[in-house]
Amino acid sequence: MRTLLVLLVLFSLNSQAEETTTPSAIDERLALEWHTHDNPFSITPHRPSYILPLTYSNRVNTAPYLESDKDLVPKHNEVKFQFSFKVPLIKGILNQGMLSFAYTNQSYWQAYTRDHSSPFRETNHEPELLLTFPVNYRVLGMQGRLITFSLNHQSNGRSEPLSRSWNRVMVDFLMERDDWYLSLKPWWRIPEVDHDDNPDITDYLGHFELRLLRKFGNHSTGLMWRNNLLADNRGALQLDYTFPINQRLRGYLQLFSGYGESLIDYDHYNNRIGVGVMLTDWL
C-alpha cells in the first residue's frame, strides 16, 4: 500500500512538471496582451508586421489602371510591406474576455518605377473590433485555446473606379498541438446597402481563411489557405518561412499564389515571391 502511495505521488509530481513545462506561443501571447492592457504607452502586435523590399509578381494586374491612369504600367518588381497592431481596451469581460481594437495596413509600392514617381500601387486598411475569450476543448487531436469574435472593415480608401471595400463579421478559432498552431476563421460578409464596389468578392475570397503555423526552434513555417468551395473553384495559398537574423529581426520568405492578394487584385490570379524581414509574427 505504501509503495502504491509513493507511486501515486511521483505520478502526480511528474504530471505537474509536464503541465508546467515551457509555455506555448499562445501562452506567451496571452501573457503579453494581458500585461500591456494597463500600460498606456504600449501596443501589442496583431497580425505579422514585415517588409519585403524584393518581390516579383509573374502576372501584373494592369486592368484597374486602364480607366484611371493609363500612364501607370505596374512593374513586376515592387516593395510589399505590412504593419499591424492591437490596443487592448477592456479586460475581464465575463471574467477572462478581452475587448481590443486592431489595425492592419498592407501596401504595395512601385519603388522601382522611377519614371512614374515610384507610386504606391495599392494600400489596404483593415480596422477591427475584437472580443477574445480563452476556451478549453479538443477536436481532431488539437487543443482549443482561444475564440475571437470580430467586426472587420477592409478598404483601399480610393474613389471610383479603383474603390474596393467590404465589411465582415468573423469568428477565429485558435488551436494548438505541441509546436503546431491552427487558426480557422470563417466570416459572413455584411451586405452593402448602397453601391457595392465589388459584389462578387466572396466568389474569389470565399467565406473562410485557414492558417497553420509550425515552430521549430527559432525557425517557423506557415501556410494560409482560402477557397470559395464552389464548382467554379477559386482561392489562394501562401507559404511563409522565417529564420533568425538577430534578437530583433527575422528573415522572411513569402510565396503567394491565387486570387485576392490585395483588394484591387481580388479577382486577379497572381503568383508572387518576396524576400525581406519580419518584425512580428502572428504568434
C-alpha atoms as a PDB file:
ATOM      1  CA  MET A   1       0.000   0.000   0.000  1.00  0.00           C
ATOM      2  CA  ARG A   2       2.828   2.354   0.916  1.00  0.00           C
ATOM      3  CA  THR A   3       4.536   1.605  -2.403  1.00  0.00           C
ATOM      4  CA  LEU A   4       1.302   2.417  -4.254  1.00  0.00           C
ATOM      5  CA  LEU A   5       1.021   5.760  -2.450  1.00  0.00           C
ATOM      6  CA  VAL A   6       4.602   6.649  -3.347  1.00  0.00           C
ATOM      7  CA  LEU A   7       3.960   5.793  -6.989  1.00  0.00           C
ATOM      8  CA  LEU A   8       0.804   7.908  -6.990  1.00  0.00           C
ATOM      9  CA  VAL A   9       2.695  10.876  -5.513  1.00  0.00           C
ATOM     10  CA  LEU A  10       5.508  10.508  -8.056  1.00  0.00           C
ATOM     11  CA  PHE A  11       2.987  10.284 -10.880  1.00  0.00           C
ATOM     12  CA  SER A  12       1.241  13.407  -9.611  1.00  0.00           C
ATOM     13  CA  LEU A  13       4.508  15.354  -9.404  1.00  0.00           C
ATOM     14  CA  ASN A  14       5.507  14.190 -12.863  1.00  0.00           C
ATOM     15  CA  SER A  15       2.142  15.265 -14.277  1.00  0.00           C
ATOM     16  CA  GLN A  16       2.501  18.679 -12.685  1.00  0.00           C
ATOM     17  CA  ALA A  17       6.004  19.010 -14.110  1.00  0.00           C
ATOM     18  CA  GLU A  18       4.701  18.223 -17.582  1.00  0.00           C
ATOM     19  CA  GLU A  19       1.942  20.779 -17.186  1.00  0.00           C
ATOM     20  CA  THR A  20       4.400  23.461 -16.077  1.00  0.00           C
ATOM     21  CA  THR A  21       6.906  22.998 -18.879  1.00  0.00           C
ATOM     22  CA  THR A  22       7.861  25.786 -21.264  1.00  0.00           C
ATOM     23  CA  PRO A  23       4.741  27.810 -22.143  1.00  0.00           C
ATOM     24  CA  SER A  24       3.454  27.659 -25.691  1.00  0.00           C
ATOM     25  CA  ALA A  25       3.441  30.597 -28.107  1.00  0.00           C
ATOM     26  CA  ILE A  26      -0.227  31.169 -27.267  1.00  0.00           C
ATOM     27  CA  ASP A  27       0.546  31.311 -23.522  1.00  0.00           C
ATOM     28  CA  GLU A  28       3.275  33.896 -24.134  1.00  0.00           C
ATOM     29  CA  ARG A  29       0.999  35.946 -26.388  1.00  0.00           C
ATOM     30  CA  LEU A  30      -1.835  35.937 -23.832  1.00  0.00           C
ATOM     31  CA  ALA A  31       0.504  36.983 -21.019  1.00  0.00           C
ATOM     32  CA  LEU A  32       1.852  39.838 -23.129  1.00  0.00           C
ATOM     33  CA  GLU A  33      -1.587  41.146 -24.093  1.00  0.00           C
ATOM     34  CA  TRP A  34      -2.962  40.884 -20.559  1.00  0.00           C
ATOM     35  CA  HIS A  35       0.069  42.702 -19.159  1.00  0.00           C
ATOM     36  CA  THR A  36       0.110  45.564 -21.692  1.00  0.00           C
ATOM     37  CA  HIS A  37      -3.540  46.428 -21.046  1.00  0.00           C
ATOM     38  CA  ASP A  38      -2.507  48.521 -18.025  1.00  0.00           C
ATOM     39  CA  ASN A  39       0.372  50.278 -19.825  1.00  0.00           C
ATOM     40  CA  PRO A  40      -0.914  53.378 -21.674  1.00  0.00           C
ATOM     41  CA  PHE A  41       2.332  53.653 -23.657  1.00  0.00           C
ATOM     42  CA  SER A  42       2.299  50.169 -25.178  1.00  0.00           C
ATOM     43  CA  ILE A  43       0.592  48.462 -28.066  1.00  0.00           C
ATOM     44  CA  THR A  44       0.754  44.775 -28.939  1.00  0.00           C
ATOM     45  CA  PRO A  45       1.316  43.008 -32.252  1.00  0.00           C
ATOM     46  CA  HIS A  46      -1.738  41.713 -34.089  1.00  0.00           C
ATOM     47  CA  ARG A  47      -1.027  40.180 -37.480  1.00  0.00           C
ATOM     48  CA  PRO A  48       2.524  39.822 -38.840  1.00  0.00           C
ATOM     49  CA  SER A  49       4.466  43.038 -39.455  1.00  0.00           C
ATOM     50  CA  TYR A  50       7.107  42.797 -42.179  1.00  0.00           C
ATOM     51  CA  ILE A  51       8.794  44.465 -45.134  1.00  0.00           C
ATOM     52  CA  LEU A  52       9.667  42.679 -48.367  1.00  0.00           C
ATOM     53  CA  PRO A  53      11.925  45.028 -50.349  1.00  0.00           C
ATOM     54  CA  LEU A  54      12.370  42.425 -53.082  1.00  0.00           C
ATOM     55  CA  THR A  55       9.231  40.863 -54.564  1.00  0.00           C
ATOM     56  CA  TYR A  56       8.467  39.587 -58.043  1.00  0.00           C
ATOM     57  CA  SER A  57       4.998  39.000 -59.496  1.00  0.00           C
ATOM     58  CA  ASN A  58       4.662  36.969 -62.674  1.00  0.00           C
ATOM     59  CA  ARG A  59       1.232  38.397 -63.606  1.00  0.00           C
ATOM     60  CA  VAL A  60       0.909  42.151 -63.205  1.00  0.00           C
ATOM     61  CA  ASN A  61      -2.666  43.415 -62.910  1.00  0.00           C
ATOM     62  CA  THR A  62      -2.951  46.396 -65.268  1.00  0.00           C
ATOM     63  CA  ALA A  63      -6.740  46.294 -65.820  1.00  0.00           C
ATOM     64  CA  PRO A  64      -7.812  48.627 -62.948  1.00  0.00           C
ATOM     65  CA  TYR A  65      -5.474  51.407 -64.116  1.00  0.00           C
ATOM     66  CA  LEU A  66      -6.591  51.489 -67.751  1.00  0.00           C
ATOM     67  CA  GLU A  67      -9.567  53.650 -66.774  1.00  0.00           C
ATOM     68  CA  SER A  68      -7.912  55.859 -64.156  1.00  0.00           C
ATOM     69  CA  ASP A  69      -4.218  56.200 -65.012  1.00  0.00           C
ATOM     70  CA  LYS A  70      -3.202  54.896 -68.420  1.00  0.00           C
ATOM     71  CA  ASP A  71       0.365  56.102 -67.925  1.00  0.00           C
ATOM     72  CA  LEU A  72       0.896  53.824 -64.949  1.00  0.00           C
ATOM     73  CA  VAL A  73       2.033  50.388 -66.059  1.00  0.00           C
ATOM     74  CA  PRO A  74       2.924  48.465 -62.885  1.00  0.00           C
ATOM     75  CA  LYS A  75       6.215  46.593 -62.962  1.00  0.00           C
ATOM     76  CA  HIS A  76       6.756  43.004 -61.891  1.00  0.00           C
ATOM     77  CA  ASN A  77       9.093  44.126 -59.087  1.00  0.00           C
ATOM     78  CA  GLU A  78       7.738  46.102 -56.155  1.00  0.00           C
ATOM     79  CA  VAL A  79       8.051  46.511 -52.401  1.00  0.00           C
ATOM     80  CA  LYS A  80       5.395  44.890 -50.225  1.00  0.00           C
ATOM     81  CA  PHE A  81       5.062  45.663 -46.541  1.00  0.00           C
ATOM     82  CA  GLN A  82       2.580  45.249 -43.719  1.00  0.00           C
ATOM     83  CA  PHE A  83       2.321  46.611 -40.206  1.00  0.00           C
ATOM     84  CA  SER A  84      -0.316  45.559 -37.705  1.00  0.00           C
ATOM     85  CA  PHE A  85      -1.039  46.418 -34.083  1.00  0.00           C
ATOM     86  CA  LYS A  86      -3.654  45.845 -31.411  1.00  0.00           C
ATOM     87  CA  VAL A  87      -4.716  48.016 -28.480  1.00  0.00           C
ATOM     88  CA  PRO A  88      -6.433  46.283 -25.522  1.00  0.00           C
ATOM     89  CA  LEU A  89      -9.482  48.301 -24.450  1.00  0.00           C
ATOM     90  CA  ILE A  90     -11.307  46.367 -21.728  1.00  0.00           C
ATOM     91  CA  LYS A  91     -10.129  43.223 -19.935  1.00  0.00           C
ATOM     92  CA  GLY A  92     -12.082  40.930 -17.657  1.00  0.00           C
ATOM     93  CA  ILE A  93     -15.253  40.788 -19.768  1.00  0.00           C
ATOM     94  CA  LEU A  94     -17.217  37.797 -18.430  1.00  0.00           C
ATOM     95  CA  ASN A  95     -14.198  37.122 -16.198  1.00  0.00           C
ATOM     96  CA  GLN A  96     -11.471  36.403 -18.799  1.00  0.00           C
ATOM     97  CA  GLY A  97     -12.584  38.108 -22.002  1.00  0.00           C
ATOM     98  CA  MET A  98     -10.673  40.953 -23.686  1.00  0.00           C
ATOM     99  CA  LEU A  99     -12.061  43.690 -25.954  1.00  0.00           C
ATOM    100  CA  SER A 100      -9.453  45.154 -28.329  1.00  0.00           C
ATOM    101  CA  PHE A 101      -9.099  47.427 -31.330  1.00  0.00           C
ATOM    102  CA  ALA A 102      -6.744  46.367 -34.115  1.00  0.00           C
ATOM    103  CA  TYR A 103      -5.491  47.906 -37.325  1.00  0.00           C
ATOM    104  CA  THR A 104      -3.573  46.358 -40.224  1.00  0.00           C
ATOM    105  CA  ASN A 105      -2.030  48.227 -43.143  1.00  0.00           C
ATOM    106  CA  GLN A 106      -0.769  46.377 -46.209  1.00  0.00           C
ATOM    107  CA  SER A 107       0.928  48.313 -49.022  1.00  0.00           C
ATOM    108  CA  TYR A 108       2.317  47.626 -52.472  1.00  0.00           C
ATOM    109  CA  TRP A 109       4.907  50.197 -53.500  1.00  0.00           C
ATOM    110  CA  GLN A 110       6.190  50.531 -57.058  1.00  0.00           C
ATOM    111  CA  ALA A 111       9.510  51.758 -55.691  1.00  0.00           C
ATOM    112  CA  TYR A 112      11.399  50.761 -58.840  1.00  0.00           C
ATOM    113  CA  THR A 113       9.107  52.655 -61.240  1.00  0.00           C
ATOM    114  CA  ARG A 114      11.296  55.746 -61.221  1.00  0.00           C
ATOM    115  CA  ASP A 115       9.848  57.131 -64.468  1.00  0.00           C
ATOM    116  CA  HIS A 116       6.433  57.462 -62.748  1.00  0.00           C
ATOM    117  CA  SER A 117       7.455  58.898 -59.336  1.00  0.00           C
ATOM    118  CA  SER A 118       7.515  55.476 -57.635  1.00  0.00           C
ATOM    119  CA  PRO A 119       3.815  55.453 -56.651  1.00  0.00           C
ATOM    120  CA  PHE A 120       2.037  53.265 -54.119  1.00  0.00           C
ATOM    121  CA  ARG A 121       0.035  50.949 -56.369  1.00  0.00           C
ATOM    122  CA  GLU A 122      -2.307  49.789 -53.602  1.00  0.00           C
ATOM    123  CA  THR A 123      -2.772  50.219 -49.846  1.00  0.00           C
ATOM    124  CA  ASN A 124      -5.327  48.254 -47.848  1.00  0.00           C
ATOM    125  CA  HIS A 125      -6.637  49.492 -44.500  1.00  0.00           C
ATOM    126  CA  GLU A 126      -8.202  46.989 -42.107  1.00  0.00           C
ATOM    127  CA  PRO A 127      -9.527  48.177 -38.732  1.00  0.00           C
ATOM    128  CA  GLU A 128     -11.178  45.587 -36.453  1.00  0.00           C
ATOM    129  CA  LEU A 129     -13.007  45.402 -33.155  1.00  0.00           C
ATOM    130  CA  LEU A 130     -12.190  42.108 -31.401  1.00  0.00           C
ATOM    131  CA  LEU A 131     -13.650  40.231 -28.446  1.00  0.00           C
ATOM    132  CA  THR A 132     -11.442  37.324 -27.331  1.00  0.00           C
ATOM    133  CA  PHE A 133     -12.127  34.548 -24.802  1.00  0.00           C
ATOM    134  CA  PRO A 134      -9.930  31.649 -23.641  1.00  0.00           C
ATOM    135  CA  VAL A 135     -11.522  28.254 -24.229  1.00  0.00           C
ATOM    136  CA  ASN A 136     -10.677  24.635 -23.497  1.00  0.00           C
ATOM    137  CA  TYR A 137     -11.794  21.858 -25.837  1.00  0.00           C
ATOM    138  CA  ARG A 138     -10.271  19.189 -28.050  1.00  0.00           C
ATOM    139  CA  VAL A 139     -11.011  18.483 -31.704  1.00  0.00           C
ATOM    140  CA  LEU A 140      -9.076  16.209 -34.077  1.00  0.00           C
ATOM    141  CA  GLY A 141      -6.266  15.926 -31.551  1.00  0.00           C
ATOM    142  CA  MET A 142      -5.824  19.696 -31.185  1.00  0.00           C
ATOM    143  CA  GLN A 143      -6.433  21.791 -28.085  1.00  0.00           C
ATOM    144  CA  GLY A 144      -8.762  24.748 -28.491  1.00  0.00           C
ATOM    145  CA  ARG A 145      -7.258  27.791 -26.752  1.00  0.00           C
ATOM    146  CA  LEU A 146      -8.921  30.999 -27.954  1.00  0.00           C
ATOM    147  CA  ILE A 147     -12.063  32.130 -29.727  1.00  0.00           C
ATOM    148  CA  THR A 148     -12.270  35.670 -31.122  1.00  0.00           C
ATOM    149  CA  PHE A 149     -15.357  37.431 -32.443  1.00  0.00           C
ATOM    150  CA  SER A 150     -14.613  40.439 -34.630  1.00  0.00           C
ATOM    151  CA  LEU A 151     -16.247  43.177 -36.649  1.00  0.00           C
ATOM    152  CA  ASN A 152     -13.961  43.810 -39.614  1.00  0.00           C
ATOM    153  CA  HIS A 153     -13.773  46.548 -42.253  1.00  0.00           C
ATOM    154  CA  GLN A 154     -11.311  46.438 -45.140  1.00  0.00           C
ATOM    155  CA  SER A 155     -10.923  49.020 -47.891  1.00  0.00           C
ATOM    156  CA  ASN A 156      -8.310  50.639 -50.087  1.00  0.00           C
ATOM    157  CA  GLY A 157      -9.583  54.156 -49.398  1.00  0.00           C
ATOM    158  CA  ARG A 158      -9.824  55.114 -53.053  1.00  0.00           C
ATOM    159  CA  SER A 159     -12.531  56.633 -55.233  1.00  0.00           C
ATOM    160  CA  GLU A 160     -14.132  55.060 -58.272  1.00  0.00           C
ATOM    161  CA  PRO A 161     -13.162  53.238 -60.402  1.00  0.00           C
ATOM    162  CA  LEU A 162     -10.449  51.913 -58.049  1.00  0.00           C
ATOM    163  CA  SER A 163     -12.560  51.765 -54.881  1.00  0.00           C
ATOM    164  CA  ARG A 164     -12.712  48.366 -53.164  1.00  0.00           C
ATOM    165  CA  SER A 165     -14.172  47.557 -49.742  1.00  0.00           C
ATOM    166  CA  TRP A 166     -16.182  45.086 -47.684  1.00  0.00           C
ATOM    167  CA  ASN A 167     -17.388  44.543 -44.119  1.00  0.00           C
ATOM    168  CA  ARG A 168     -17.421  41.202 -42.301  1.00  0.00           C
ATOM    169  CA  VAL A 169     -18.419  39.500 -39.076  1.00  0.00           C
ATOM    170  CA  MET A 170     -15.727  36.945 -38.239  1.00  0.00           C
ATOM    171  CA  VAL A 171     -15.004  34.174 -35.736  1.00  0.00           C
ATOM    172  CA  ASP A 172     -11.461  32.915 -35.226  1.00  0.00           C
ATOM    173  CA  PHE A 173     -10.854  29.515 -33.605  1.00  0.00           C
ATOM    174  CA  LEU A 174      -7.240  29.211 -32.450  1.00  0.00           C
ATOM    175  CA  MET A 175      -5.927  25.734 -31.572  1.00  0.00           C
ATOM    176  CA  GLU A 176      -2.579  24.139 -30.762  1.00  0.00           C
ATOM    177  CA  ARG A 177      -0.830  20.816 -30.503  1.00  0.00           C
ATOM    178  CA  ASP A 178       2.816  20.734 -29.407  1.00  0.00           C
ATOM    179  CA  ASP A 179       4.561  23.184 -31.775  1.00  0.00           C
ATOM    180  CA  TRP A 180       1.677  23.256 -34.263  1.00  0.00           C
ATOM    181  CA  TYR A 181      -0.848  26.122 -34.264  1.00  0.00           C
ATOM    182  CA  LEU A 182      -4.057  26.278 -36.281  1.00  0.00           C
ATOM    183  CA  SER A 183      -6.369  29.235 -36.919  1.00  0.00           C
ATOM    184  CA  LEU A 184      -9.724  28.660 -38.608  1.00  0.00           C
ATOM    185  CA  LYS A 185     -11.505  31.919 -39.381  1.00  0.00           C
ATOM    186  CA  PRO A 186     -14.929  31.753 -41.082  1.00  0.00           C
ATOM    187  CA  TRP A 187     -16.738  35.002 -41.899  1.00  0.00           C
ATOM    188  CA  TRP A 188     -20.025  36.421 -43.116  1.00  0.00           C
ATOM    189  CA  ARG A 189     -19.988  39.428 -45.389  1.00  0.00           C
ATOM    190  CA  ILE A 190     -22.336  42.235 -44.334  1.00  0.00           C
ATOM    191  CA  PRO A 191     -24.427  43.186 -47.399  1.00  0.00           C
ATOM    192  CA  GLU A 192     -23.825  46.648 -48.850  1.00  0.00           C
ATOM    193  CA  VAL A 193     -26.796  48.993 -48.510  1.00  0.00           C
ATOM    194  CA  ASP A 194     -25.738  51.412 -51.240  1.00  0.00           C
ATOM    195  CA  HIS A 195     -23.417  50.916 -54.190  1.00  0.00           C
ATOM    196  CA  ASP A 196     -21.216  47.797 -53.934  1.00  0.00           C
ATOM    197  CA  ASP A 197     -17.691  48.266 -55.334  1.00  0.00           C
ATOM    198  CA  ASN A 198     -17.068  44.512 -55.558  1.00  0.00           C
ATOM    199  CA  PRO A 199     -20.295  42.471 -55.342  1.00  0.00           C
ATOM    200  CA  ASP A 200     -18.591  39.202 -56.345  1.00  0.00           C
ATOM    201  CA  ILE A 201     -15.671  39.375 -53.890  1.00  0.00           C
ATOM    202  CA  THR A 202     -16.717  36.236 -51.971  1.00  0.00           C
ATOM    203  CA  ASP A 203     -16.658  34.283 -55.259  1.00  0.00           C
ATOM    204  CA  TYR A 204     -12.886  34.808 -55.194  1.00  0.00           C
ATOM    205  CA  LEU A 205     -12.003  35.144 -51.499  1.00  0.00           C
ATOM    206  CA  GLY A 206     -14.596  32.693 -50.176  1.00  0.00           C
ATOM    207  CA  HIS A 207     -16.012  32.619 -46.663  1.00  0.00           C
ATOM    208  CA  PHE A 208     -13.067  31.455 -44.542  1.00  0.00           C
ATOM    209  CA  GLU A 209      -9.323  31.534 -44.031  1.00  0.00           C
ATOM    210  CA  LEU A 210      -7.230  28.747 -42.542  1.00  0.00           C
ATOM    211  CA  ARG A 211      -3.716  29.301 -41.183  1.00  0.00           C
ATOM    212  CA  LEU A 212      -1.264  26.667 -39.969  1.00  0.00           C
ATOM    213  CA  LEU A 213       1.955  27.567 -38.174  1.00  0.00           C
ATOM    214  CA  ARG A 214       4.793  25.234 -37.189  1.00  0.00           C
ATOM    215  CA  LYS A 215       7.547  26.450 -34.878  1.00  0.00           C
ATOM    216  CA  PHE A 216      10.816  24.554 -34.597  1.00  0.00           C
ATOM    217  CA  GLY A 217      13.490  26.262 -32.541  1.00  0.00           C
ATOM    218  CA  ASN A 218      13.975  29.807 -33.800  1.00  0.00           C
ATOM    219  CA  HIS A 219      12.514  28.955 -37.194  1.00  0.00           C
ATOM    220  CA  SER A 220       8.892  28.765 -38.294  1.00  0.00           C
ATOM    221  CA  THR A 221       6.882  27.778 -41.344  1.00  0.00           C
ATOM    222  CA  GLY A 222       3.349  28.872 -42.151  1.00  0.00           C
ATOM    223  CA  LEU A 223       0.531  28.098 -44.554  1.00  0.00           C
ATOM    224  CA  MET A 224      -2.517  30.206 -45.409  1.00  0.00           C
ATOM    225  CA  TRP A 225      -5.429  28.795 -47.429  1.00  0.00           C
ATOM    226  CA  ARG A 226      -8.607  30.419 -48.727  1.00  0.00           C
ATOM    227  CA  ASN A 227     -11.160  28.840 -51.053  1.00  0.00           C
ATOM    228  CA  ASN A 228     -14.698  29.514 -52.235  1.00  0.00           C
ATOM    229  CA  LEU A 229     -15.540  25.756 -52.175  1.00  0.00           C
ATOM    230  CA  LEU A 230     -17.594  26.177 -55.349  1.00  0.00           C
ATOM    231  CA  ALA A 231     -17.641  24.266 -58.618  1.00  0.00           C
ATOM    232  CA  ASP A 232     -16.010  27.307 -60.215  1.00  0.00           C
ATOM    233  CA  ASN A 233     -13.127  26.899 -57.807  1.00  0.00           C
ATOM    234  CA  ARG A 234     -11.027  29.895 -56.777  1.00  0.00           C
ATOM    235  CA  GLY A 235      -8.835  30.550 -53.785  1.00  0.00           C
ATOM    236  CA  ALA A 236      -5.320  31.345 -52.604  1.00  0.00           C
ATOM    237  CA  LEU A 237      -2.315  29.759 -50.918  1.00  0.00           C
ATOM    238  CA  GLN A 238       0.523  31.491 -49.087  1.00  0.00           C
ATOM    239  CA  LEU A 239       3.654  29.821 -47.743  1.00  0.00           C
ATOM    240  CA  ASP A 240       5.866  31.530 -45.162  1.00  0.00           C
ATOM    241  CA  TYR A 241       9.287  30.735 -43.770  1.00  0.00           C
ATOM    242  CA  THR A 242      11.055  32.791 -41.101  1.00  0.00           C
ATOM    243  CA  PHE A 243      14.518  32.418 -39.598  1.00  0.00           C
ATOM    244  CA  PRO A 244      16.531  34.440 -37.054  1.00  0.00           C
ATOM    245  CA  ILE A 245      18.880  37.234 -38.120  1.00  0.00           C
ATOM    246  CA  ASN A 246      19.439  38.716 -34.672  1.00  0.00           C
ATOM    247  CA  GLN A 247      17.457  39.153 -31.445  1.00  0.00           C
ATOM    248  CA  ARG A 248      15.182  41.726 -33.066  1.00  0.00           C
ATOM    249  CA  LEU A 249      14.855  40.817 -36.740  1.00  0.00           C
ATOM    250  CA  ARG A 250      13.883  37.651 -38.569  1.00  0.00           C
ATOM    251  CA  GLY A 251      14.483  36.825 -42.200  1.00  0.00           C
ATOM    252  CA  TYR A 252      11.269  36.221 -44.121  1.00  0.00           C
ATOM    253  CA  LEU A 253      10.462  34.351 -47.339  1.00  0.00           C
ATOM    254  CA  GLN A 254       6.884  34.621 -48.666  1.00  0.00           C
ATOM    255  CA  LEU A 255       5.276  32.743 -51.566  1.00  0.00           C
ATOM    256  CA  PHE A 256       1.742  33.644 -52.690  1.00  0.00           C
ATOM    257  CA  SER A 257      -0.415  32.071 -55.386  1.00  0.00           C
ATOM    258  CA  GLY A 258      -4.070  32.751 -56.102  1.00  0.00           C
ATOM    259  CA  TYR A 259      -6.714  35.445 -56.005  1.00  0.00           C
ATOM    260  CA  GLY A 260      -7.046  38.410 -53.697  1.00  0.00           C
ATOM    261  CA  GLU A 261      -3.527  39.175 -52.550  1.00  0.00           C
ATOM    262  CA  SER A 262      -4.810  42.745 -52.272  1.00  0.00           C
ATOM    263  CA  LEU A 263      -8.268  44.279 -52.673  1.00  0.00           C
ATOM    264  CA  ILE A 264      -7.502  45.810 -56.067  1.00  0.00           C
ATOM    265  CA  ASP A 265      -6.470  42.298 -57.155  1.00  0.00           C
ATOM    266  CA  TYR A 266      -9.388  40.414 -55.576  1.00  0.00           C
ATOM    267  CA  ASP A 267     -10.442  38.957 -58.966  1.00  0.00           C
ATOM    268  CA  HIS A 268      -6.921  38.665 -60.392  1.00  0.00           C
ATOM    269  CA  TYR A 269      -4.820  35.490 -60.246  1.00  0.00           C
ATOM    270  CA  ASN A 270      -1.236  36.160 -59.279  1.00  0.00           C
ATOM    271  CA  ASN A 271       1.971  34.395 -58.209  1.00  0.00           C
ATOM    272  CA  ARG A 272       4.479  36.328 -56.096  1.00  0.00           C
ATOM    273  CA  ILE A 273       7.733  35.598 -54.313  1.00  0.00           C
ATOM    274  CA  GLY A 274       9.174  38.028 -51.782  1.00  0.00           C
ATOM    275  CA  VAL A 275      12.203  38.215 -49.503  1.00  0.00           C
ATOM    276  CA  GLY A 276      12.712  40.553 -46.565  1.00  0.00           C
ATOM    277  CA  VAL A 277      12.478  40.840 -42.796  1.00  0.00           C
ATOM    278  CA  MET A 278       9.683  40.111 -40.333  1.00  0.00           C
ATOM    279  CA  LEU A 279       9.304  42.220 -37.206  1.00  0.00           C
ATOM    280  CA  THR A 280       6.463  40.303 -35.515  1.00  0.00           C
ATOM    281  CA  ASP A 281       4.745  37.013 -36.365  1.00  0.00           C
ATOM    282  CA  TRP A 282       1.077  36.250 -35.653  1.00  0.00           C
ATOM    283  CA  LEU A 283       2.232  34.038 -32.785  1.00  0.00           C
END
